[in-house]
């Protein structure tokens, strides 16, 4: 069964094109390492909740938009191997170099995690 890495990020709305360029460049690392699909979604219909919502989760300000993303892997083993490669001291890929492909958002407010699908249709 597949494995999913999920992300929620607050991105300055003015940086939308920068984010798209950053993602197009950086996300190819994941596919090169075995991901079957990478999806980046810009908020379109994200309501404000009374208790919690996507914006509150990432402390989005009025001038920021929420991005919801996921990476689909064929299995957890492929994902773990990819992450081990990316975290190794030998990994040197300019697509992930913050000087050559800077993050156009505050990475401290990025929420992420790995998930095992329990229903696939």
Protein backbone atom coordinates (compact mmCIF):
# COMPACT_ATOMS: atom_id res chain seq x y z
CA UNK A 1 0.00 0.00 0.00
CA UNK A 2 1.19 3.55 -0.71
CA UNK A 3 2.59 5.96 1.86
CA UNK A 4 1.79 9.68 2.07
CA UNK A 5 3.79 12.63 3.38
CA UNK A 6 1.44 15.57 4.03
CA UNK A 7 2.21 19.27 4.45
CA UNK A 8 0.36 22.48 5.30
CA UNK A 9 2.20 25.78 4.83
CA UNK A 10 1.42 29.50 5.09
CA UNK A 11 2.89 31.27 2.05
CA UNK A 12 2.85 35.03 1.50
CA UNK A 13 0.21 35.52 -1.19
CA UNK A 14 2.60 37.83 -3.04
CA UNK A 15 5.05 34.89 -3.30
CA UNK A 16 2.69 32.57 -5.17
CA UNK A 17 4.79 32.47 -8.35
CA UNK A 18 8.01 32.13 -6.33
CA UNK A 19 6.42 29.20 -4.48
CA UNK A 20 5.40 27.54 -7.76
CA UNK A 21 8.95 27.90 -9.12
CA UNK A 22 10.44 26.63 -5.84
CA UNK A 23 8.10 23.61 -5.83
CA UNK A 24 8.60 22.74 -9.48
CA UNK A 25 12.34 22.72 -8.95
CA UNK A 26 12.52 21.06 -5.54
CA UNK A 27 9.72 18.53 -5.92
CA UNK A 28 11.55 16.75 -8.72
CA UNK A 29 14.00 15.49 -6.09
CA UNK A 30 11.18 13.44 -4.56
CA UNK A 31 10.15 11.93 -7.89
CA UNK A 32 13.80 11.21 -8.72
CA UNK A 33 13.99 9.29 -5.42
CA UNK A 34 10.87 7.22 -6.07
CA UNK A 35 7.79 9.32 -5.28
CA UNK A 36 4.93 8.46 -7.62
CA UNK A 37 3.23 11.84 -7.30
CA UNK A 38 3.71 15.25 -5.72
CA UNK A 39 0.74 17.62 -5.40
CA UNK A 40 0.90 21.29 -4.37
CA UNK A 41 -2.47 23.00 -3.79
CA UNK A 42 -3.08 26.74 -3.31
CA UNK A 43 -6.02 27.66 -1.03
CA UNK A 44 -9.19 28.33 -2.97
CA UNK A 45 -12.14 27.52 -0.71
CA UNK A 46 -10.71 27.32 2.82
CA UNK A 47 -13.24 28.53 5.39
CA UNK A 48 -12.31 30.15 8.67
CA UNK A 49 -13.40 27.92 11.53
CA UNK A 50 -14.68 28.94 14.95
CA UNK A 51 -12.25 26.66 16.81
CA UNK A 52 -9.60 25.64 14.28
CA UNK A 53 -8.89 25.63 10.56
CA UNK A 54 -6.00 25.34 8.13
CA UNK A 55 -5.03 29.01 8.52
CA UNK A 56 -4.97 28.84 12.31
CA UNK A 57 -2.94 25.64 12.18
CA UNK A 58 -0.07 27.43 10.42
CA UNK A 59 -0.68 30.84 12.00
CA UNK A 60 -1.42 32.37 8.59
CA UNK A 61 -1.68 36.14 8.50
CA UNK A 62 -4.15 38.05 6.29
CA UNK A 63 -1.46 38.50 3.62
CA UNK A 64 -0.72 34.75 3.43
CA UNK A 65 -2.38 31.84 1.67
CA UNK A 66 -2.50 28.24 2.84
CA UNK A 67 -0.81 25.59 0.74
CA UNK A 68 -1.82 21.95 1.20
CA UNK A 69 0.60 19.44 -0.30
CA UNK A 70 1.35 15.78 -0.33
CA UNK A 71 3.89 13.34 -1.68
CA UNK A 72 2.69 9.90 -2.63
CA UNK A 73 5.21 7.06 -2.35
CA UNK A 74 4.74 3.47 -3.53
CA UNK A 75 5.42 2.32 0.07
CA UNK A 76 7.01 3.46 3.32
CA UNK A 77 10.27 1.68 2.53
CA UNK A 78 10.77 3.80 -0.62
CA UNK A 79 9.96 6.95 1.36
CA UNK A 80 12.33 6.03 4.19
CA UNK A 81 15.13 5.27 1.73
CA UNK A 82 14.56 8.61 -0.03
CA UNK A 83 14.64 10.52 3.27
CA UNK A 84 17.80 8.68 4.34
CA UNK A 85 19.44 9.67 1.05
CA UNK A 86 18.36 13.30 1.38
CA UNK A 87 19.57 13.55 4.99
CA UNK A 88 22.94 11.93 4.32
CA UNK A 89 26.10 14.03 4.41
CA UNK A 90 26.81 12.89 0.84
CA UNK A 91 23.56 14.33 -0.54
CA UNK A 92 24.41 17.43 -2.56
CA UNK A 93 21.60 18.53 -4.81
CA UNK A 94 21.24 22.21 -5.71
CA UNK A 95 17.46 21.79 -6.03
CA UNK A 96 17.39 21.47 -2.23
CA UNK A 97 20.06 24.10 -1.56
CA UNK A 98 18.36 27.04 0.21
CA UNK A 99 20.86 29.43 -1.42
CA UNK A 100 19.93 28.25 -4.93
CA UNK A 101 16.26 27.41 -4.33
CA UNK A 102 15.16 29.50 -1.31
CA UNK A 103 11.92 28.73 0.49
CA UNK A 104 9.48 31.61 -0.17
CA UNK A 105 7.73 30.97 3.17
CA UNK A 106 8.48 30.58 6.87
CA UNK A 107 9.57 26.97 7.27
CA UNK A 108 9.09 27.14 11.05
CA UNK A 109 5.32 27.14 10.51
CA UNK A 110 5.27 24.22 8.09
CA UNK A 111 3.27 21.28 9.42
CA UNK A 112 4.20 17.85 8.07
CA UNK A 113 3.88 14.19 8.80
CA UNK A 114 3.86 10.71 7.31
CA UNK A 115 0.61 8.81 6.94
CA UNK A 116 -0.37 5.22 6.21
CA UNK A 117 -3.51 5.10 4.06
CA UNK A 118 -6.30 3.14 5.67
CA UNK A 119 -8.81 3.43 2.80
CA UNK A 120 -7.96 3.66 -0.89
CA UNK A 121 -10.67 3.70 -3.55
